[in-house]
PDB file of N, CA and C in Angstrom:
ATOM      1  N   MET A   1      23.149  12.948   9.035  1.00  0.00           N
ATOM      2  CA  MET A   1      21.754  13.571   9.840  1.00  0.00           C
ATOM      3  C   MET A   1      20.690  13.008  10.414  1.00  0.00           C
ATOM      4  N   LYS A   2      20.683  13.256  11.935  1.00  0.00           N
ATOM      5  CA  LYS A   2      19.301  12.797  12.638  1.00  0.00           C
ATOM      6  C   LYS A   2      18.748  14.044  13.279  1.00  0.00           C
ATOM      7  N   LEU A   3      17.108  13.490  13.173  1.00  0.00           N
ATOM      8  CA  LEU A   3      16.341  14.927  13.390  1.00  0.00           C
ATOM      9  C   LEU A   3      15.097  13.890  14.025  1.00  0.00           C
ATOM     10  N   SER A   4      14.549  14.871  14.700  1.00  0.00           N
ATOM     11  CA  SER A   4      13.490  14.090  15.485  1.00  0.00           C
ATOM     12  C   SER A   4      11.948  13.908  14.780  1.00  0.00           C
ATOM     13  N   GLN A   5      11.331  13.009  15.170  1.00  0.00           N
ATOM     14  CA  GLN A   5      10.082  12.813  14.335  1.00  0.00           C
ATOM     15  C   GLN A   5       9.462  14.142  14.195  1.00  0.00           C
ATOM     16  N   GLU A   6       9.263  14.889  15.106  1.00  0.00           N
ATOM     17  CA  GLU A   6       8.900  16.104  14.804  1.00  0.00           C
ATOM     18  C   GLU A   6       9.330  17.097  13.633  1.00  0.00           C
ATOM     19  N   GLU A   7      10.881  17.113  14.154  1.00  0.00           N
ATOM     20  CA  GLU A   7      11.189  17.839  12.717  1.00  0.00           C
ATOM     21  C   GLU A   7      11.214  17.401  11.239  1.00  0.00           C
ATOM     22  N   PHE A   8      11.600  16.187  11.454  1.00  0.00           N
ATOM     23  CA  PHE A   8      11.343  15.867  10.120  1.00  0.00           C
ATOM     24  C   PHE A   8       9.733  15.759   9.349  1.00  0.00           C
ATOM     25  N   ASP A   9       8.704  15.564  10.109  1.00  0.00           N
ATOM     26  CA  ASP A   9       7.086  15.848   9.783  1.00  0.00           C
ATOM     27  C   ASP A   9       7.253  17.121   9.366  1.00  0.00           C
ATOM     28  N   ALA A  10       8.026  18.139  10.122  1.00  0.00           N
ATOM     29  CA  ALA A  10       7.878  19.306   9.306  1.00  0.00           C
ATOM     30  C   ALA A  10       7.948  19.622   8.210  1.00  0.00           C
ATOM     31  N   ILE A  11       9.705  18.829   7.967  1.00  0.00           N
ATOM     32  CA  ILE A  11      10.175  19.259   6.659  1.00  0.00           C
ATOM     33  C   ILE A  11       9.697  18.246   5.533  1.00  0.00           C
ATOM     34  N   ALA A  12       8.769  17.303   6.168  1.00  0.00           N
ATOM     35  CA  ALA A  12       7.811  16.445   4.914  1.00  0.00           C
ATOM     36  C   ALA A  12       7.067  17.363   4.589  1.00  0.00           C
ATOM     37  N   THR A  13       6.260  17.943   5.663  1.00  0.00           N
ATOM     38  CA  THR A  13       5.170  19.207   5.093  1.00  0.00           C
ATOM     39  C   THR A  13       5.534  19.940   4.115  1.00  0.00           C
ATOM     40  N   ARG A  14       6.870  20.928   4.324  1.00  0.00           N
ATOM     41  CA  ARG A  14       6.841  21.977   3.756  1.00  0.00           C
ATOM     42  C   ARG A  14       7.388  21.040   2.058  1.00  0.00           C
ATOM     43  N   ALA A  15       8.029  19.863   2.011  1.00  0.00           N
ATOM     44  CA  ALA A  15       8.612  19.408   0.840  1.00  0.00           C
ATOM     45  C   ALA A  15       7.401  19.273   0.033  1.00  0.00           C
ATOM     46  N   ILE A  16       6.210  18.341   0.651  1.00  0.00           N
ATOM     47  CA  ILE A  16       4.917  18.091   0.102  1.00  0.00           C
ATOM     48  C   ILE A  16       4.195  19.357  -0.635  1.00  0.00           C
ATOM     49  N   ASP A  17       3.963  20.584   0.190  1.00  0.00           N
ATOM     50  CA  ASP A  17       3.699  21.724  -0.176  1.00  0.00           C
ATOM     51  C   ASP A  17       4.573  22.324  -1.302  1.00  0.00           C
ATOM     52  N   ARG A  18       5.670  21.987  -1.706  1.00  0.00           N
ATOM     53  CA  ARG A  18       6.441  22.759  -2.739  1.00  0.00           C
ATOM     54  C   ARG A  18       6.244  21.768  -4.216  1.00  0.00           C
ATOM     55  N   ILE A  19       5.474  20.748  -3.838  1.00  0.00           N
ATOM     56  CA  ILE A  19       4.760  19.653  -4.961  1.00  0.00           C
ATOM     57  C   ILE A  19       4.231  20.736  -6.086  1.00  0.00           C
ATOM     58  N   PRO A  20       4.220  20.795  -7.234  1.00  0.00           N
ATOM     59  CA  PRO A  20       3.194  21.503  -8.258  1.00  0.00           C
ATOM     60  C   PRO A  20       1.532  20.915  -8.018  1.00  0.00           C
ATOM     61  N   GLU A  21       0.714  22.022  -7.639  1.00  0.00           N
ATOM     62  CA  GLU A  21      -0.495  21.926  -7.497  1.00  0.00           C
ATOM     63  C   GLU A  21      -0.929  20.930  -8.266  1.00  0.00           C
ATOM     64  N   ASP A  22      -1.323  20.553  -9.673  1.00  0.00           N
ATOM     65  CA  ASP A  22      -1.674  19.705 -10.821  1.00  0.00           C
ATOM     66  C   ASP A  22      -1.147  18.139 -10.126  1.00  0.00           C
ATOM     67  N   LEU A  23      -0.035  18.176  -9.439  1.00  0.00           N
ATOM     68  CA  LEU A  23       0.057  16.765  -8.803  1.00  0.00           C
ATOM     69  C   LEU A  23      -0.231  16.295  -7.591  1.00  0.00           C
ATOM     70  N   ARG A  24       0.010  17.906  -6.805  1.00  0.00           N
ATOM     71  CA  ARG A  24      -0.408  17.604  -5.406  1.00  0.00           C
ATOM     72  C   ARG A  24      -1.775  17.096  -4.822  1.00  0.00           C
ATOM     73  N   GLU A  25      -2.824  17.730  -6.067  1.00  0.00           N
ATOM     74  CA  GLU A  25      -3.827  17.358  -5.640  1.00  0.00           C
ATOM     75  C   GLU A  25      -4.599  15.952  -5.919  1.00  0.00           C
ATOM     76  N   TYR A  26      -3.700  15.384  -6.289  1.00  0.00           N
ATOM     77  CA  TYR A  26      -3.777  13.714  -6.251  1.00  0.00           C
ATOM     78  C   TYR A  26      -3.435  13.222  -4.954  1.00  0.00           C
ATOM     79  N   LEU A  27      -3.181  13.662  -3.845  1.00  0.00           N
ATOM     80  CA  LEU A  27      -2.671  13.304  -2.790  1.00  0.00           C
ATOM     81  C   LEU A  27      -4.093  13.346  -1.652  1.00  0.00           C
ATOM     82  N   ASP A  28      -4.993  14.078  -2.287  1.00  0.00           N
ATOM     83  CA  ASP A  28      -5.879  14.171  -1.386  1.00  0.00           C
ATOM     84  C   ASP A  28      -6.671  12.895  -0.955  1.00  0.00           C
ATOM     85  N   ASN A  29      -6.362  12.114  -1.668  1.00  0.00           N
ATOM     86  CA  ASN A  29      -7.325  10.739  -1.429  1.00  0.00           C
ATOM     87  C   ASN A  29      -5.997   9.703  -1.136  1.00  0.00           C
ATOM     88  N   ILE A  30      -4.723  10.164  -0.787  1.00  0.00           N
ATOM     89  CA  ILE A  30      -4.214   9.069  -0.395  1.00  0.00           C
ATOM     90  C   ILE A  30      -3.216   9.467   0.550  1.00  0.00           C
ATOM     91  N   VAL A  31      -2.981   8.664   1.805  1.00  0.00           N
ATOM     92  CA  VAL A  31      -2.405   8.584   3.029  1.00  0.00           C
ATOM     93  C   VAL A  31      -0.916   8.710   3.104  1.00  0.00           C
ATOM     94  N   ILE A  32      -0.407   9.782   3.768  1.00  0.00           N
ATOM     95  CA  ILE A  32       1.015   9.898   3.589  1.00  0.00           C
ATOM     96  C   ILE A  32       1.625   9.933   5.095  1.00  0.00           C
ATOM     97  N   SER A  33       2.074   8.214   5.240  1.00  0.00           N
ATOM     98  CA  SER A  33       2.652   7.991   6.427  1.00  0.00           C
ATOM     99  C   SER A  33       4.489   8.258   6.485  1.00  0.00           C
ATOM    100  N   VAL A  34       4.828   8.597   7.682  1.00  0.00           N
ATOM    101  CA  VAL A  34       6.777   8.601   7.774  1.00  0.00           C
ATOM    102  C   VAL A  34       6.629   7.379   8.740  1.00  0.00           C
ATOM    103  N   GLN A  35       7.535   6.690   8.241  1.00  0.00           N
ATOM    104  CA  GLN A  35       7.934   5.542   9.222  1.00  0.00           C
ATOM    105  C   GLN A  35       9.578   5.635   9.539  1.00  0.00           C
ATOM    106  N   LYS A  36       9.835   5.043  10.197  1.00  0.00           N
ATOM    107  CA  LYS A  36      11.244   5.359  10.666  1.00  0.00           C
ATOM    108  C   LYS A  36      12.184   4.346   9.516  1.00  0.00           C
ATOM    109  N   ARG A  37      11.792   3.113   9.383  1.00  0.00           N
ATOM    110  CA  ARG A  37      12.848   2.554   7.766  1.00  0.00           C
ATOM    111  C   ARG A  37      11.667   1.424   7.635  1.00  0.00           C
ATOM    112  N   PRO A  38      12.089   0.598   6.331  1.00  0.00           N
ATOM    113  CA  PRO A  38      11.414  -0.216   6.006  1.00  0.00           C
ATOM    114  C   PRO A  38      11.447  -1.751   6.738  1.00  0.00           C
ATOM    115  N   SER A  39      10.731  -2.692   7.284  1.00  0.00           N
ATOM    116  CA  SER A  39      11.124  -3.688   7.685  1.00  0.00           C
ATOM    117  C   SER A  39      11.806  -4.731   6.832  1.00  0.00           C
ATOM    118  N   PRO A  40      12.404  -5.566   7.356  1.00  0.00           N
ATOM    119  CA  PRO A  40      13.240  -6.540   6.919  1.00  0.00           C
ATOM    120  C   PRO A  40      12.228  -7.399   5.920  1.00  0.00           C
ATOM    121  N   GLU A  41      11.256  -7.602   6.291  1.00  0.00           N
ATOM    122  CA  GLU A  41      10.036  -8.479   5.593  1.00  0.00           C
ATOM    123  C   GLU A  41       9.497  -7.468   4.414  1.00  0.00           C
ATOM    124  N   LEU A  42       9.408  -6.280   4.255  1.00  0.00           N
ATOM    125  CA  LEU A  42       9.008  -5.213   3.266  1.00  0.00           C
ATOM    126  C   LEU A  42      10.261  -5.531   2.478  1.00  0.00           C
ATOM    127  N   LEU A  43      11.225  -5.317   2.596  1.00  0.00           N
ATOM    128  CA  LEU A  43      12.389  -5.470   1.556  1.00  0.00           C
ATOM    129  C   LEU A  43      12.583  -6.628   1.310  1.00  0.00           C
ATOM    130  N   ALA A  44      12.245  -7.748   1.373  1.00  0.00           N
ATOM    131  CA  ALA A  44      12.297  -8.969   0.926  1.00  0.00           C
ATOM    132  C   ALA A  44      11.353  -9.611   0.098  1.00  0.00           C
ATOM    133  N   GLU A  45      10.265  -8.878   0.806  1.00  0.00           N
ATOM    134  CA  GLU A  45       8.775  -8.685  -0.313  1.00  0.00           C
ATOM    135  C   GLU A  45       9.069  -8.368  -1.358  1.00  0.00           C
ATOM    136  N   MET A  46       9.800  -7.172  -1.610  1.00  0.00           N
ATOM    137  CA  MET A  46      10.153  -6.528  -2.663  1.00  0.00           C
ATOM    138  C   MET A  46      11.411  -6.811  -3.257  1.00  0.00           C
ATOM    139  N   GLY A  47      11.669  -8.100  -3.127  1.00  0.00           N
ATOM    140  CA  GLY A  47      13.008  -8.425  -3.681  1.00  0.00           C
ATOM    141  C   GLY A  47      14.483  -7.700  -3.869  1.00  0.00           C
ATOM    142  N   MET A  48      14.235  -7.105  -2.164  1.00  0.00           N
ATOM    143  CA  MET A  48      15.461  -6.157  -1.992  1.00  0.00           C
ATOM    144  C   MET A  48      16.608  -6.830  -0.962  1.00  0.00           C
ATOM    145  N   ASP A  49      17.935  -6.766  -0.880  1.00  0.00           N
ATOM    146  CA  ASP A  49      18.678  -6.968   0.011  1.00  0.00           C
ATOM    147  C   ASP A  49      18.344  -6.549   1.576  1.00  0.00           C
ATOM    148  N   PRO A  50      18.450  -6.932   3.020  1.00  0.00           N
ATOM    149  CA  PRO A  50      18.462  -5.718   4.192  1.00  0.00           C
ATOM    150  C   PRO A  50      19.397  -4.721   4.167  1.00  0.00           C
ATOM    151  N   ASP A  51      20.252  -4.564   3.528  1.00  0.00           N
ATOM    152  CA  ASP A  51      21.292  -3.580   3.144  1.00  0.00           C
ATOM    153  C   ASP A  51      20.929  -2.678   1.898  1.00  0.00           C
ATOM    154  N   ASP A  52      19.838  -2.714   1.247  1.00  0.00           N
ATOM    155  CA  ASP A  52      19.375  -1.784   0.132  1.00  0.00           C
ATOM    156  C   ASP A  52      18.644  -0.805   0.826  1.00  0.00           C
ATOM    157  N   THR A  53      18.608   0.247   0.077  1.00  0.00           N
ATOM    158  CA  THR A  53      18.280   1.745   0.389  1.00  0.00           C
ATOM    159  C   THR A  53      16.668   1.785  -0.417  1.00  0.00           C
ATOM    160  N   LEU A  54      15.675   1.709   0.808  1.00  0.00           N
ATOM    161  CA  LEU A  54      13.958   2.009   0.137  1.00  0.00           C
ATOM    162  C   LEU A  54      13.749   3.472   0.906  1.00  0.00           C
ATOM    163  N   LEU A  55      13.662   4.495  -0.094  1.00  0.00           N
ATOM    164  CA  LEU A  55      13.223   6.190   0.379  1.00  0.00           C
ATOM    165  C   LEU A  55      11.731   6.034   0.571  1.00  0.00           C
ATOM    166  N   GLY A  56      10.917   5.709   0.039  1.00  0.00           N
ATOM    167  CA  GLY A  56       9.457   5.709  -0.029  1.00  0.00           C
ATOM    168  C   GLY A  56       8.716   4.123  -0.841  1.00  0.00           C
ATOM    169  N   LEU A  57       7.496   4.351  -0.650  1.00  0.00           N
ATOM    170  CA  LEU A  57       6.860   3.259  -1.293  1.00  0.00           C
ATOM    171  C   LEU A  57       5.628   3.610  -1.637  1.00  0.00           C
ATOM    172  N   TYR A  58       4.569   3.342  -2.693  1.00  0.00           N
ATOM    173  CA  TYR A  58       3.422   3.637  -2.968  1.00  0.00           C
ATOM    174  C   TYR A  58       2.985   2.095  -2.588  1.00  0.00           C
ATOM    175  N   HIS A  59       1.648   1.983  -1.917  1.00  0.00           N
ATOM    176  CA  HIS A  59       1.167   1.039  -1.551  1.00  0.00           C
ATOM    177  C   HIS A  59      -0.443   1.188  -1.965  1.00  0.00           C
ATOM    178  N   GLY A  60      -0.856   0.036  -2.730  1.00  0.00           N
ATOM    179  CA  GLY A  60      -2.241   0.674  -3.156  1.00  0.00           C
ATOM    180  C   GLY A  60      -2.539  -0.211  -4.612  1.00  0.00           C
ATOM    181  N   VAL A  61      -3.618   0.581  -5.333  1.00  0.00           N
ATOM    182  CA  VAL A  61      -3.958   0.026  -6.477  1.00  0.00           C
ATOM    183  C   VAL A  61      -3.913   1.026  -7.488  1.00  0.00           C
ATOM    184  N   ALA A  62      -3.032   0.993  -8.179  1.00  0.00           N
ATOM    185  CA  ALA A  62      -2.805   2.219  -9.129  1.00  0.00           C
ATOM    186  C   ALA A  62      -3.780   2.355 -10.281  1.00  0.00           C
ATOM    187  N   LEU A  63      -4.033   3.610 -10.522  1.00  0.00           N
ATOM    188  CA  LEU A  63      -5.057   4.039 -11.312  1.00  0.00           C
ATOM    189  C   LEU A  63      -5.433   2.984 -12.461  1.00  0.00           C
ATOM    190  N   PRO A  64      -4.627   2.875 -13.428  1.00  0.00           N
ATOM    191  CA  PRO A  64      -4.876   1.965 -14.716  1.00  0.00           C
ATOM    192  C   PRO A  64      -5.407   0.480 -14.158  1.00  0.00           C
ATOM    193  N   ASP A  65      -5.019  -0.081 -13.007  1.00  0.00           N
ATOM    194  CA  ASP A  65      -5.330  -1.225 -12.803  1.00  0.00           C
ATOM    195  C   ASP A  65      -6.502  -1.529 -11.806  1.00  0.00           C
ATOM    196  N   ARG A  66      -7.589  -0.265 -11.871  1.00  0.00           N
ATOM    197  CA  ARG A  66      -8.819  -0.269 -10.615  1.00  0.00           C
ATOM    198  C   ARG A  66      -9.752  -0.889 -11.806  1.00  0.00           C
ATOM    199  N   SER A  67     -10.801  -1.253 -10.716  1.00  0.00           N
ATOM    200  CA  SER A  67     -11.952  -1.686 -11.489  1.00  0.00           C
ATOM    201  C   SER A  67     -13.312  -1.016 -10.832  1.00  0.00           C
ATOM    202  N   ALA A  68     -14.219  -0.604 -11.466  1.00  0.00           N
ATOM    203  CA  ALA A  68     -15.334  -0.196 -10.690  1.00  0.00           C
ATOM    204  C   ALA A  68     -16.333  -1.351 -10.259  1.00  0.00           C
ATOM    205  N   VAL A  69     -15.862  -2.409 -10.554  1.00  0.00           N
ATOM    206  CA  VAL A  69     -16.638  -3.484  -9.660  1.00  0.00           C
ATOM    207  C   VAL A  69     -16.034  -3.913  -8.858  1.00  0.00           C
ATOM    208  N   GLU A  70     -14.933  -3.730  -8.680  1.00  0.00           N
ATOM    209  CA  GLU A  70     -13.936  -4.536  -7.413  1.00  0.00           C
ATOM    210  C   GLU A  70     -13.017  -3.144  -6.873  1.00  0.00           C
ATOM    211  N   PRO A  71     -13.491  -2.408  -6.570  1.00  0.00           N
ATOM    212  CA  PRO A  71     -12.781  -0.822  -5.883  1.00  0.00           C
ATOM    213  C   PRO A  71     -11.922  -1.301  -4.904  1.00  0.00           C
ATOM    214  N   PRO A  72     -10.751  -0.765  -4.681  1.00  0.00           N
ATOM    215  CA  PRO A  72      -9.705  -1.187  -3.454  1.00  0.00           C
ATOM    216  C   PRO A  72     -10.542  -0.967  -1.983  1.00  0.00           C
ATOM    217  N   THR A  73      -9.946  -2.090  -1.271  1.00  0.00           N
ATOM    218  CA  THR A  73     -10.605  -2.416   0.069  1.00  0.00           C
ATOM    219  C   THR A  73      -9.812  -1.190   1.095  1.00  0.00           C
ATOM    220  N   PHE A  74      -8.671  -1.061   0.631  1.00  0.00           N
ATOM    221  CA  PHE A  74      -7.600   0.108   2.010  1.00  0.00           C
ATOM    222  C   PHE A  74      -7.415   1.101   0.888  1.00  0.00           C
ATOM    223  N   PRO A  75      -7.221   2.264   1.771  1.00  0.00           N
ATOM    224  CA  PRO A  75      -6.772   3.853   1.030  1.00  0.00           C
ATOM    225  C   PRO A  75      -5.211   3.399   0.502  1.00  0.00           C
ATOM    226  N   ASP A  76      -4.768   4.116  -0.700  1.00  0.00           N
ATOM    227  CA  ASP A  76      -3.649   4.196  -1.217  1.00  0.00           C
ATOM    228  C   ASP A  76      -3.027   4.649  -0.069  1.00  0.00           C
ATOM    229  N   THR A  77      -1.625   4.416   0.125  1.00  0.00           N
ATOM    230  CA  THR A  77      -0.932   5.028   1.162  1.00  0.00           C
ATOM    231  C   THR A  77       0.887   5.277   0.222  1.00  0.00           C
ATOM    232  N   ILE A  78       1.529   6.257   0.694  1.00  0.00           N
ATOM    233  CA  ILE A  78       2.685   6.478   0.451  1.00  0.00           C
ATOM    234  C   ILE A  78       3.680   6.632   1.534  1.00  0.00           C
ATOM    235  N   PHE A  79       4.256   5.479   1.585  1.00  0.00           N
ATOM    236  CA  PHE A  79       5.144   5.766   2.736  1.00  0.00           C
ATOM    237  C   PHE A  79       6.531   6.161   2.820  1.00  0.00           C
ATOM    238  N   ILE A  80       7.093   7.357   3.479  1.00  0.00           N
ATOM    239  CA  ILE A  80       8.259   7.880   3.492  1.00  0.00           C
ATOM    240  C   ILE A  80       9.075   7.082   4.512  1.00  0.00           C
ATOM    241  N   PHE A  81      10.296   7.204   4.173  1.00  0.00           N
ATOM    242  CA  PHE A  81      11.231   6.504   5.496  1.00  0.00           C
ATOM    243  C   PHE A  81      12.129   6.951   5.995  1.00  0.00           C
ATOM    244  N   GLN A  82      12.238   7.378   6.861  1.00  0.00           N
ATOM    245  CA  GLN A  82      12.970   8.766   7.693  1.00  0.00           C
ATOM    246  C   GLN A  82      14.281   8.558   7.626  1.00  0.00           C
ATOM    247  N   GLU A  83      14.773   7.577   8.321  1.00  0.00           N
ATOM    248  CA  GLU A  83      16.214   6.964   8.571  1.00  0.00           C
ATOM    249  C   GLU A  83      16.936   6.968   7.496  1.00  0.00           C
ATOM    250  N   PRO A  84      16.441   5.863   6.467  1.00  0.00           N
ATOM    251  CA  PRO A  84      17.288   6.020   4.997  1.00  0.00           C
ATOM    252  C   PRO A  84      17.350   7.525   4.335  1.00  0.00           C
ATOM    253  N   ILE A  85      16.083   8.583   4.588  1.00  0.00           N
ATOM    254  CA  ILE A  85      16.182   9.718   3.589  1.00  0.00           C
ATOM    255  C   ILE A  85      17.651  10.388   4.339  1.00  0.00           C
ATOM    256  N   GLU A  86      17.766  10.290   5.652  1.00  0.00           N
ATOM    257  CA  GLU A  86      18.725  10.901   6.788  1.00  0.00           C
ATOM    258  C   GLU A  86      20.266  10.878   6.133  1.00  0.00           C
ATOM    259  N   GLU A  87      19.763   9.342   6.020  1.00  0.00           N
ATOM    260  CA  GLU A  87      21.721   8.653   5.741  1.00  0.00           C
ATOM    261  C   GLU A  87      22.162   9.156   4.322  1.00  0.00           C
ATOM    262  N   ILE A  88      20.939   9.481   3.756  1.00  0.00           N
ATOM    263  CA  ILE A  88      21.843   9.772   2.397  1.00  0.00           C
ATOM    264  C   ILE A  88      21.745  11.436   1.946  1.00  0.00           C
ATOM    265  N   CYS A  89      21.303  12.267   3.162  1.00  0.00           N
ATOM    266  CA  CYS A  89      21.168  13.651   2.913  1.00  0.00           C
ATOM    267  C   CYS A  89      22.339  14.282   4.035  1.00  0.00           C
ATOM    268  N   ASP A  90      22.471  15.566   3.725  1.00  0.00           N
ATOM    269  CA  ASP A  90      23.760  16.018   4.524  1.00  0.00           C
ATOM    270  C   ASP A  90      23.051  17.231   5.177  1.00  0.00           C
ATOM    271  N   THR A  91      21.935  18.058   4.975  1.00  0.00           N
ATOM    272  CA  THR A  91      21.097  18.987   5.023  1.00  0.00           C
ATOM    273  C   THR A  91      19.600  19.117   5.454  1.00  0.00           C
ATOM    274  N   VAL A  92      19.447  19.945   6.102  1.00  0.00           N
ATOM    275  CA  VAL A  92      17.853  19.954   6.018  1.00  0.00           C
ATOM    276  C   VAL A  92      17.211  20.236   4.712  1.00  0.00           C
ATOM    277  N   GLU A  93      17.781  20.986   3.775  1.00  0.00           N
ATOM    278  CA  GLU A  93      17.227  21.705   2.109  1.00  0.00           C
ATOM    279  C   GLU A  93      17.799  19.998   1.593  1.00  0.00           C
ATOM    280  N   GLU A  94      18.458  19.431   1.821  1.00  0.00           N
ATOM    281  CA  GLU A  94      18.637  17.933   1.056  1.00  0.00           C
ATOM    282  C   GLU A  94      17.509  17.088   1.386  1.00  0.00           C
ATOM    283  N   ILE A  95      17.480  17.180   2.796  1.00  0.00           N
ATOM    284  CA  ILE A  95      16.158  16.437   3.502  1.00  0.00           C
ATOM    285  C   ILE A  95      15.054  16.818   2.212  1.00  0.00           C
ATOM    286  N   GLU A  96      14.342  17.585   2.382  1.00  0.00           N
ATOM    287  CA  GLU A  96      13.373  18.685   2.119  1.00  0.00           C
ATOM    288  C   GLU A  96      13.210  18.085   0.306  1.00  0.00           C
ATOM    289  N   GLU A  97      14.107  18.428  -0.152  1.00  0.00           N
ATOM    290  CA  GLU A  97      14.384  18.003  -1.680  1.00  0.00           C
ATOM    291  C   GLU A  97      13.754  16.448  -1.739  1.00  0.00           C
ATOM    292  N   GLU A  98      14.679  15.788  -1.010  1.00  0.00           N
ATOM    293  CA  GLU A  98      14.885  14.609  -1.524  1.00  0.00           C
ATOM    294  C   GLU A  98      13.382  13.807  -1.114  1.00  0.00           C
ATOM    295  N   ILE A  99      12.650  14.081  -0.025  1.00  0.00           N
ATOM    296  CA  ILE A  99      11.265  13.870   0.375  1.00  0.00           C
ATOM    297  C   ILE A  99      10.275  14.072  -1.065  1.00  0.00           C
ATOM    298  N   GLU A 100      10.375  15.732  -1.397  1.00  0.00           N
ATOM    299  CA  GLU A 100       9.841  15.729  -2.579  1.00  0.00           C
ATOM    300  C   GLU A 100       9.718  15.051  -3.850  1.00  0.00           C
ATOM    301  N   ILE A 101      11.270  14.920  -4.179  1.00  0.00           N
ATOM    302  CA  ILE A 101      11.249  14.000  -4.777  1.00  0.00           C
ATOM    303  C   ILE A 101      10.827  12.201  -5.097  1.00  0.00           C
ATOM    304  N   THR A 102      10.903  12.105  -3.504  1.00  0.00           N
ATOM    305  CA  THR A 102      10.168  10.583  -3.274  1.00  0.00           C
ATOM    306  C   THR A 102       9.050  10.550  -3.822  1.00  0.00           C
ATOM    307  N   VAL A 103       8.447  11.645  -3.220  1.00  0.00           N
ATOM    308  CA  VAL A 103       6.630  11.519  -3.179  1.00  0.00           C
ATOM    309  C   VAL A 103       6.222  11.879  -4.447  1.00  0.00           C
ATOM    310  N   VAL A 104       6.928  12.562  -5.293  1.00  0.00           N
ATOM    311  CA  VAL A 104       6.436  12.647  -6.796  1.00  0.00           C
ATOM    312  C   VAL A 104       6.630  11.351  -7.261  1.00  0.00           C
ATOM    313  N   HIS A 105       7.605  10.890  -6.971  1.00  0.00           N
ATOM    314  CA  HIS A 105       8.152   9.383  -7.450  1.00  0.00           C
ATOM    315  C   HIS A 105       6.907   8.550  -7.469  1.00  0.00           C
ATOM    316  N   GLU A 106       6.481   8.742  -6.167  1.00  0.00           N
ATOM    317  CA  GLU A 106       5.470   7.561  -5.559  1.00  0.00           C
ATOM    318  C   GLU A 106       3.974   7.893  -5.947  1.00  0.00           C
ATOM    319  N   ILE A 107       3.797   8.886  -6.392  1.00  0.00           N
ATOM    320  CA  ILE A 107       2.740   9.469  -6.949  1.00  0.00           C
ATOM    321  C   ILE A 107       2.416   8.855  -8.337  1.00  0.00           C
ATOM    322  N   ALA A 108       4.085   8.938  -9.405  1.00  0.00           N
ATOM    323  CA  ALA A 108       4.108   8.303 -10.573  1.00  0.00           C
ATOM    324  C   ALA A 108       3.342   7.229 -10.197  1.00  0.00           C
ATOM    325  N   HIS A 109       3.854   6.322  -9.482  1.00  0.00           N
ATOM    326  CA  HIS A 109       3.502   4.982  -9.330  1.00  0.00           C
ATOM    327  C   HIS A 109       1.971   4.713  -9.034  1.00  0.00           C
ATOM    328  N   TYR A 110       1.350   5.653  -8.712  1.00  0.00           N
ATOM    329  CA  TYR A 110       0.034   5.658  -8.400  1.00  0.00           C
ATOM    330  C   TYR A 110      -0.733   5.987  -9.845  1.00  0.00           C
ATOM    331  N   PHE A 111       0.019   6.789 -10.725  1.00  0.00           N
ATOM    332  CA  PHE A 111      -0.882   6.808 -11.714  1.00  0.00           C
ATOM    333  C   PHE A 111      -0.134   5.787 -12.954  1.00  0.00           C
ATOM    334  N   GLY A 112       0.248   4.676 -12.242  1.00  0.00           N
ATOM    335  CA  GLY A 112       0.884   3.547 -12.994  1.00  0.00           C
ATOM    336  C   GLY A 112       2.224   3.458 -13.821  1.00  0.00           C
ATOM    337  N   ILE A 113       2.723   4.517 -13.241  1.00  0.00           N
ATOM    338  CA  ILE A 113       4.508   4.899 -14.172  1.00  0.00           C
ATOM    339  C   ILE A 113       5.273   4.426 -13.275  1.00  0.00           C
ATOM    340  N   GLY A 114       5.910   3.465 -14.229  1.00  0.00           N
ATOM    341  CA  GLY A 114       7.000   2.605 -13.904  1.00  0.00           C
ATOM    342  C   GLY A 114       8.362   3.046 -13.744  1.00  0.00           C
ATOM    343  N   GLU A 115       9.553   2.325 -13.372  1.00  0.00           N
ATOM    344  CA  GLU A 115      10.557   2.757 -12.817  1.00  0.00           C
ATOM    345  C   GLU A 115      11.507   3.194 -13.935  1.00  0.00           C
ATOM    346  N   GLU A 116      11.182   2.565 -15.180  1.00  0.00           N
ATOM    347  CA  GLU A 116      12.085   2.799 -16.360  1.00  0.00           C
ATOM    348  C   GLU A 116      11.587   4.075 -16.947  1.00  0.00           C
ATOM    349  N   ARG A 117      10.147   4.231 -16.887  1.00  0.00           N
ATOM    350  CA  ARG A 117       9.559   5.575 -17.725  1.00  0.00           C
ATOM    351  C   ARG A 117      10.272   6.775 -16.838  1.00  0.00           C
ATOM    352  N   LEU A 118      10.186   6.613 -15.286  1.00  0.00           N
ATOM    353  CA  LEU A 118      10.592   7.358 -14.395  1.00  0.00           C
ATOM    354  C   LEU A 118      12.042   8.010 -14.674  1.00  0.00           C
ATOM    355  N   GLY A 119      12.744   7.169 -14.871  1.00  0.00           N
ATOM    356  CA  GLY A 119      14.099   7.489 -15.228  1.00  0.00           C
ATOM    357  C   GLY A 119      14.333   8.292 -16.628  1.00  0.00           C
ATOM    358  N   GLU A 120      13.681   7.840 -17.116  1.00  0.00           N
ATOM    359  CA  GLU A 120      13.261   8.547 -18.724  1.00  0.00           C
ATOM    360  C   GLU A 120      12.960  10.041 -18.470  1.00  0.00           C
ATOM    361  N   LEU A 121      12.145  10.284 -17.377  1.00  0.00           N
ATOM    362  CA  LEU A 121      11.512  11.615 -16.778  1.00  0.00           C
ATOM    363  C   LEU A 121      12.684  12.443 -15.911  1.00  0.00           C
ATOM    364  N   GLY A 122      13.701  11.536 -15.751  1.00  0.00           N
ATOM    365  CA  GLY A 122      14.559  12.129 -14.876  1.00  0.00           C
ATOM    366  C   GLY A 122      14.186  11.935 -13.111  1.00  0.00           C
ATOM    367  N   TYR A 123      13.249  11.145 -13.303  1.00  0.00           N
ATOM    368  CA  TYR A 123      13.239  10.823 -11.600  1.00  0.00           C
ATOM    369  C   TYR A 123      14.088   9.411 -11.037  1.00  0.00           C
ATOM    370  N   ASP A 124      15.341   9.116 -11.480  1.00  0.00           N
ATOM    371  CA  ASP A 124      16.061   7.948 -10.929  1.00  0.00           C
ATOM    372  C   ASP A 124      16.782   7.891 -10.076  1.00  0.00           C
TER     373      ASP A 124
END
């Protein structure tokens, strides 16, 4: 499935609106950025192969790692990667659901919840 940037952004907005309010309120101080795809350098930085699929990424300082004396110098950001999401989805509904899951997954990283615990919670 291939969408324009505007179509994908509209779907992303709907997907984020579907996230329960008690989680969505934490997005107030997080930038959400839609990018076409992760760069090869980013994938390498994360220890991933160039052919690996990355749907989203939290970039920032997780809440448990924050310090009052050394606050983060950049805003926390959740990146959503449009082309990888389009590649694994066949319908607009699937894209919307995948964006919602991806953003919830990245919010979890903001809270310091790791991949293993996310799997235990059903977000693998």
